[in-house]
N, C-alpha and C. Protein backbone atom coordinates (compact mmCIF):
# COMPACT_ATOMS: atom_id res chain seq x y z
N MET A 1 117.83 95.50 37.72
CA MET A 1 118.77 95.01 38.71
C MET A 1 118.16 93.81 39.44
N ASN A 2 119.00 92.99 39.91
CA ASN A 2 118.65 91.77 40.61
C ASN A 2 118.09 92.10 42.01
N SER A 3 117.03 91.44 42.39
CA SER A 3 116.42 91.73 43.69
C SER A 3 117.36 91.32 44.84
N LEU A 4 118.24 90.34 44.62
CA LEU A 4 119.21 89.97 45.65
C LEU A 4 120.20 91.09 45.88
N ASP A 5 120.66 91.73 44.80
CA ASP A 5 121.58 92.87 44.94
C ASP A 5 120.91 94.02 45.69
N GLU A 6 119.64 94.25 45.38
CA GLU A 6 118.91 95.31 46.07
C GLU A 6 118.77 94.99 47.56
N LEU A 7 118.52 93.73 47.88
CA LEU A 7 118.38 93.31 49.26
C LEU A 7 119.70 93.49 50.01
N ILE A 8 120.80 93.11 49.40
CA ILE A 8 122.11 93.27 50.02
C ILE A 8 122.40 94.75 50.25
N ARG A 9 122.12 95.59 49.28
CA ARG A 9 122.34 97.03 49.42
C ARG A 9 121.46 97.60 50.53
N ALA A 10 120.22 97.11 50.66
CA ALA A 10 119.32 97.58 51.72
C ALA A 10 119.85 97.20 53.10
N PHE A 11 120.38 95.98 53.21
CA PHE A 11 120.97 95.58 54.49
C PHE A 11 122.19 96.42 54.84
N ASP A 12 122.96 96.83 53.85
CA ASP A 12 124.13 97.68 54.09
C ASP A 12 123.73 99.06 54.60
N LEU A 13 122.52 99.51 54.30
CA LEU A 13 122.07 100.82 54.73
C LEU A 13 121.56 100.84 56.18
N ILE A 14 121.29 99.66 56.73
CA ILE A 14 120.78 99.58 58.10
C ILE A 14 121.90 99.92 59.07
N ASP A 15 121.58 100.83 60.01
CA ASP A 15 122.57 101.18 61.03
C ASP A 15 122.78 100.00 61.96
N GLU A 16 124.01 99.83 62.38
CA GLU A 16 124.33 98.75 63.30
C GLU A 16 123.72 99.07 64.66
N ILE A 17 123.07 98.10 65.24
CA ILE A 17 122.45 98.28 66.55
C ILE A 17 123.51 97.99 67.61
N VAL A 18 123.76 98.98 68.43
CA VAL A 18 124.74 98.82 69.50
C VAL A 18 123.97 98.59 70.80
N VAL A 19 124.21 97.45 71.41
CA VAL A 19 123.54 97.11 72.65
C VAL A 19 124.40 97.62 73.80
N GLU A 20 123.83 98.54 74.57
CA GLU A 20 124.55 99.09 75.72
C GLU A 20 124.59 98.03 76.82
N PRO A 21 125.73 97.85 77.47
CA PRO A 21 125.76 96.89 78.58
C PRO A 21 124.90 97.40 79.74
N ILE A 22 124.28 96.48 80.44
CA ILE A 22 123.43 96.86 81.56
C ILE A 22 124.32 97.20 82.74
N GLU A 23 124.03 98.35 83.36
CA GLU A 23 124.77 98.77 84.54
C GLU A 23 123.83 98.61 85.74
N TYR A 24 124.11 97.62 86.58
CA TYR A 24 123.28 97.35 87.75
C TYR A 24 123.71 98.29 88.87
N ARG A 25 122.75 99.05 89.40
CA ARG A 25 123.06 100.05 90.43
C ARG A 25 122.22 99.82 91.67
N VAL A 26 122.84 100.03 92.82
CA VAL A 26 122.08 100.11 94.07
C VAL A 26 122.27 101.51 94.62
N HIS A 27 121.16 102.14 94.95
CA HIS A 27 121.16 103.48 95.51
C HIS A 27 121.06 103.37 97.02
N TYR A 28 121.73 104.25 97.74
CA TYR A 28 121.75 104.14 99.20
C TYR A 28 121.71 105.52 99.85
N ASP A 29 121.33 105.51 101.14
CA ASP A 29 121.26 106.76 101.90
C ASP A 29 122.56 106.98 102.69
N GLU A 30 122.57 108.03 103.51
CA GLU A 30 123.77 108.39 104.27
C GLU A 30 124.20 107.30 105.25
N ALA A 31 123.24 106.52 105.74
CA ALA A 31 123.55 105.46 106.71
C ALA A 31 124.02 104.18 106.02
N GLY A 32 123.98 104.13 104.68
CA GLY A 32 124.41 102.94 103.95
C GLY A 32 123.28 101.97 103.64
N ASN A 33 122.07 102.33 104.00
CA ASN A 33 120.92 101.47 103.71
C ASN A 33 120.55 101.59 102.24
N ILE A 34 120.35 100.47 101.58
CA ILE A 34 119.98 100.47 100.17
C ILE A 34 118.52 100.90 100.06
N THR A 35 118.29 101.96 99.29
CA THR A 35 116.94 102.52 99.18
C THR A 35 116.24 102.12 97.90
N MET A 36 117.00 101.79 96.85
CA MET A 36 116.38 101.35 95.60
C MET A 36 117.45 100.75 94.68
N CYS A 37 117.00 100.06 93.66
CA CYS A 37 117.87 99.49 92.65
C CYS A 37 117.42 100.00 91.29
N SER A 38 118.39 100.16 90.38
CA SER A 38 118.03 100.61 89.03
C SER A 38 119.05 100.10 88.03
N MET A 39 118.69 100.21 86.77
CA MET A 39 119.60 99.84 85.67
C MET A 39 119.75 101.01 84.71
N GLN A 40 119.58 102.23 85.23
CA GLN A 40 119.65 103.41 84.37
C GLN A 40 119.95 104.63 85.24
N ASP A 41 120.05 105.79 84.62
CA ASP A 41 120.27 107.04 85.34
C ASP A 41 118.96 107.47 85.98
N HIS A 42 118.65 106.88 87.11
CA HIS A 42 117.36 107.16 87.73
C HIS A 42 117.46 107.01 89.23
N PRO A 43 117.14 107.95 90.01
CA PRO A 43 117.22 109.39 89.72
C PRO A 43 118.67 109.84 89.77
N ALA A 44 118.94 110.94 89.15
CA ALA A 44 120.32 111.41 88.99
C ALA A 44 120.91 111.98 90.27
N ASP A 45 120.09 112.38 91.22
CA ASP A 45 120.60 113.07 92.40
C ASP A 45 120.81 112.16 93.61
N THR A 46 120.89 110.83 93.43
CA THR A 46 121.09 109.92 94.56
C THR A 46 122.47 109.28 94.48
N GLN A 47 122.94 108.82 95.64
CA GLN A 47 124.21 108.10 95.69
C GLN A 47 123.96 106.67 95.21
N TYR A 48 124.86 106.14 94.41
CA TYR A 48 124.72 104.76 93.97
C TYR A 48 126.10 104.17 93.71
N ILE A 49 126.15 102.85 93.69
CA ILE A 49 127.35 102.14 93.26
C ILE A 49 126.93 101.11 92.23
N VAL A 50 127.84 100.77 91.35
CA VAL A 50 127.60 99.76 90.33
C VAL A 50 127.98 98.40 90.91
N VAL A 51 127.11 97.42 90.74
CA VAL A 51 127.31 96.10 91.32
C VAL A 51 127.11 95.02 90.26
N SER A 52 127.42 93.79 90.61
CA SER A 52 127.20 92.67 89.69
C SER A 52 125.71 92.32 89.66
N LYS A 53 125.33 91.52 88.69
CA LYS A 53 123.93 91.11 88.56
C LYS A 53 123.50 90.30 89.78
N ASP A 54 124.38 89.43 90.27
CA ASP A 54 124.06 88.62 91.44
C ASP A 54 123.86 89.48 92.68
N GLU A 55 124.74 90.46 92.88
CA GLU A 55 124.59 91.38 94.01
C GLU A 55 123.30 92.20 93.86
N TYR A 56 123.00 92.60 92.66
CA TYR A 56 121.78 93.35 92.36
C TYR A 56 120.54 92.54 92.72
N ASN A 57 120.54 91.27 92.33
CA ASN A 57 119.40 90.40 92.60
C ASN A 57 119.24 90.09 94.09
N ASN A 58 120.33 90.18 94.85
CA ASN A 58 120.31 89.88 96.28
C ASN A 58 120.62 91.11 97.12
N TYR A 59 120.22 92.28 96.65
CA TYR A 59 120.55 93.54 97.32
C TYR A 59 120.13 93.57 98.78
N PHE A 60 119.07 92.85 99.15
CA PHE A 60 118.55 92.87 100.51
C PHE A 60 119.49 92.21 101.51
N ARG A 61 120.55 91.58 101.02
CA ARG A 61 121.54 90.95 101.90
C ARG A 61 122.74 91.85 102.17
N PHE A 62 122.68 93.09 101.67
CA PHE A 62 123.84 93.98 101.76
C PHE A 62 123.47 95.35 102.30
N TYR A 63 124.50 96.08 102.72
CA TYR A 63 124.42 97.51 102.96
C TYR A 63 125.71 98.11 102.43
N VAL A 64 125.82 99.41 102.40
CA VAL A 64 126.96 100.07 101.76
C VAL A 64 127.84 100.73 102.82
N VAL A 65 129.15 100.45 102.74
CA VAL A 65 130.14 101.07 103.60
C VAL A 65 131.30 101.51 102.71
N ASP A 66 131.68 102.78 102.78
CA ASP A 66 132.78 103.32 101.97
C ASP A 66 132.61 102.99 100.48
N ASN A 67 131.41 103.18 99.97
CA ASN A 67 131.09 102.94 98.55
C ASN A 67 131.31 101.50 98.11
N LYS A 68 131.21 100.56 99.04
CA LYS A 68 131.33 99.13 98.72
C LYS A 68 130.23 98.37 99.44
N LEU A 69 129.76 97.30 98.81
CA LEU A 69 128.75 96.47 99.45
C LEU A 69 129.39 95.66 100.57
N LYS A 70 128.66 95.56 101.66
CA LYS A 70 129.09 94.72 102.77
C LYS A 70 127.91 93.82 103.12
N LYS A 71 128.20 92.52 103.27
CA LYS A 71 127.13 91.56 103.53
C LYS A 71 126.62 91.74 104.96
N ILE A 72 125.30 91.69 105.12
CA ILE A 72 124.68 91.78 106.43
C ILE A 72 124.93 90.46 107.14
N ASP A 73 125.51 90.54 108.33
CA ASP A 73 125.82 89.34 109.11
C ASP A 73 124.60 88.97 109.94
N ILE A 74 123.98 87.87 109.57
CA ILE A 74 122.80 87.39 110.29
C ILE A 74 123.20 86.13 111.04
N PRO A 75 123.24 86.21 112.37
CA PRO A 75 123.64 85.02 113.13
C PRO A 75 122.61 83.91 112.97
N THR A 76 123.10 82.73 112.70
CA THR A 76 122.20 81.59 112.51
C THR A 76 122.16 80.70 113.75
N SER A 77 122.94 81.04 114.77
CA SER A 77 122.99 80.20 115.96
C SER A 77 121.77 80.38 116.85
N ASN A 78 121.04 81.46 116.69
CA ASN A 78 119.85 81.69 117.51
C ASN A 78 118.63 81.11 116.81
N SER A 79 118.29 79.91 117.17
CA SER A 79 117.10 79.31 116.59
C SER A 79 116.32 78.60 117.68
N VAL A 80 115.04 78.58 117.51
CA VAL A 80 114.16 77.90 118.45
C VAL A 80 113.38 76.88 117.65
N GLN A 81 113.49 75.64 118.06
CA GLN A 81 112.73 74.60 117.38
C GLN A 81 111.50 74.28 118.22
N LEU A 82 110.39 74.14 117.55
CA LEU A 82 109.13 73.85 118.22
C LEU A 82 108.64 72.47 117.82
N THR A 83 107.94 71.84 118.74
CA THR A 83 107.34 70.55 118.47
C THR A 83 105.94 70.53 119.06
N LYS A 84 105.07 69.68 118.54
CA LYS A 84 103.71 69.60 119.08
C LYS A 84 103.78 69.20 120.55
N SER A 85 102.87 69.79 121.33
CA SER A 85 102.90 69.59 122.77
C SER A 85 101.49 69.75 123.34
N ASN A 86 101.38 69.57 124.66
CA ASN A 86 100.11 69.80 125.34
C ASN A 86 100.07 71.18 125.98
N SER A 87 101.18 71.91 125.91
CA SER A 87 101.26 73.26 126.46
C SER A 87 102.22 74.06 125.60
N GLY A 88 102.32 75.33 125.89
CA GLY A 88 103.24 76.17 125.11
C GLY A 88 102.47 77.20 124.31
N TYR A 89 102.81 77.32 123.04
CA TYR A 89 102.17 78.31 122.16
C TYR A 89 100.92 77.72 121.55
N GLN A 90 99.78 78.39 121.76
CA GLN A 90 98.52 77.93 121.18
C GLN A 90 98.42 78.46 119.75
N VAL A 91 98.17 77.55 118.80
CA VAL A 91 98.08 77.92 117.39
C VAL A 91 96.80 77.34 116.79
N VAL A 92 96.44 77.86 115.62
CA VAL A 92 95.31 77.30 114.88
C VAL A 92 95.73 75.93 114.36
N LYS A 93 94.87 74.95 114.54
CA LYS A 93 95.20 73.57 114.15
C LYS A 93 95.57 73.49 112.68
N ASN A 94 96.66 72.81 112.39
CA ASN A 94 97.22 72.61 111.05
C ASN A 94 97.75 73.91 110.43
N HIS A 95 97.89 74.96 111.23
CA HIS A 95 98.44 76.25 110.76
C HIS A 95 99.36 76.80 111.85
N ALA A 96 100.51 76.17 112.04
CA ALA A 96 101.40 76.52 113.14
C ALA A 96 101.91 77.95 113.05
N GLY A 97 101.80 78.59 111.90
CA GLY A 97 102.24 79.97 111.76
C GLY A 97 101.25 80.98 112.31
N ILE A 98 100.05 80.54 112.65
CA ILE A 98 99.04 81.46 113.19
C ILE A 98 98.97 81.24 114.70
N VAL A 99 99.76 82.03 115.41
CA VAL A 99 99.83 81.93 116.86
C VAL A 99 98.70 82.76 117.45
N LEU A 100 98.01 82.18 118.41
CA LEU A 100 96.88 82.86 119.05
C LEU A 100 97.34 83.58 120.31
N GLU A 101 96.80 84.77 120.53
CA GLU A 101 97.04 85.52 121.76
C GLU A 101 96.26 84.84 122.88
N PRO A 102 96.70 85.02 124.15
CA PRO A 102 95.96 84.39 125.25
C PRO A 102 94.49 84.80 125.32
N SER A 103 94.16 86.00 124.87
CA SER A 103 92.77 86.47 124.92
C SER A 103 91.92 85.97 123.75
N GLU A 104 92.55 85.37 122.73
CA GLU A 104 91.80 84.91 121.56
C GLU A 104 91.20 83.53 121.81
N VAL A 105 90.01 83.34 121.27
CA VAL A 105 89.33 82.05 121.38
C VAL A 105 89.15 81.50 119.98
N TYR A 106 89.57 80.26 119.78
CA TYR A 106 89.44 79.62 118.48
C TYR A 106 89.05 78.17 118.73
N VAL A 107 88.19 77.61 117.91
CA VAL A 107 87.65 76.28 118.16
C VAL A 107 88.69 75.18 117.99
N ASP A 108 89.35 75.14 116.86
CA ASP A 108 90.30 74.07 116.56
C ASP A 108 91.73 74.57 116.79
N THR A 109 92.33 74.19 117.90
CA THR A 109 93.69 74.64 118.21
C THR A 109 94.58 73.46 118.58
N GLU A 110 95.85 73.73 118.58
CA GLU A 110 96.85 72.78 119.07
C GLU A 110 97.99 73.59 119.68
N TYR A 111 98.91 72.92 120.34
CA TYR A 111 99.99 73.62 121.03
C TYR A 111 101.34 73.19 120.50
N TYR A 112 102.26 74.13 120.49
CA TYR A 112 103.65 73.86 120.15
C TYR A 112 104.51 74.44 121.27
N ASP A 113 105.56 73.72 121.63
CA ASP A 113 106.47 74.20 122.67
C ASP A 113 107.91 74.02 122.22
N ARG A 114 108.82 74.70 122.88
CA ARG A 114 110.24 74.64 122.53
C ARG A 114 110.82 73.25 122.78
N THR A 115 111.74 72.86 121.93
CA THR A 115 112.43 71.59 122.15
C THR A 115 113.79 71.80 122.79
N ASN A 116 114.29 73.05 122.79
CA ASN A 116 115.61 73.29 123.36
C ASN A 116 115.55 74.30 124.49
């Protein structure tokens, strides 16, 4: 027999691979806080809802109400802008994110104060 015929017959014997669609789940507690995310039956004894991939990837922006995701409303109007100053918040020089307590002593410091 021809090796091509044997190859074709061998391919016909292979079971078709069925790809299960991914089910994106967010699990939550009684208060609606998302406690974990999964893509499988894990664990079976928790409450969960099926969500889109985008919602799954951004789960930290949501909580659950009546078995539906609700976006967390974060007000953006409360902001404080800081600028270099001679008084205000004492920080490590060139590292404005490291704010020093009044009792801390550091050699190289600078100050930032509110602009508004």
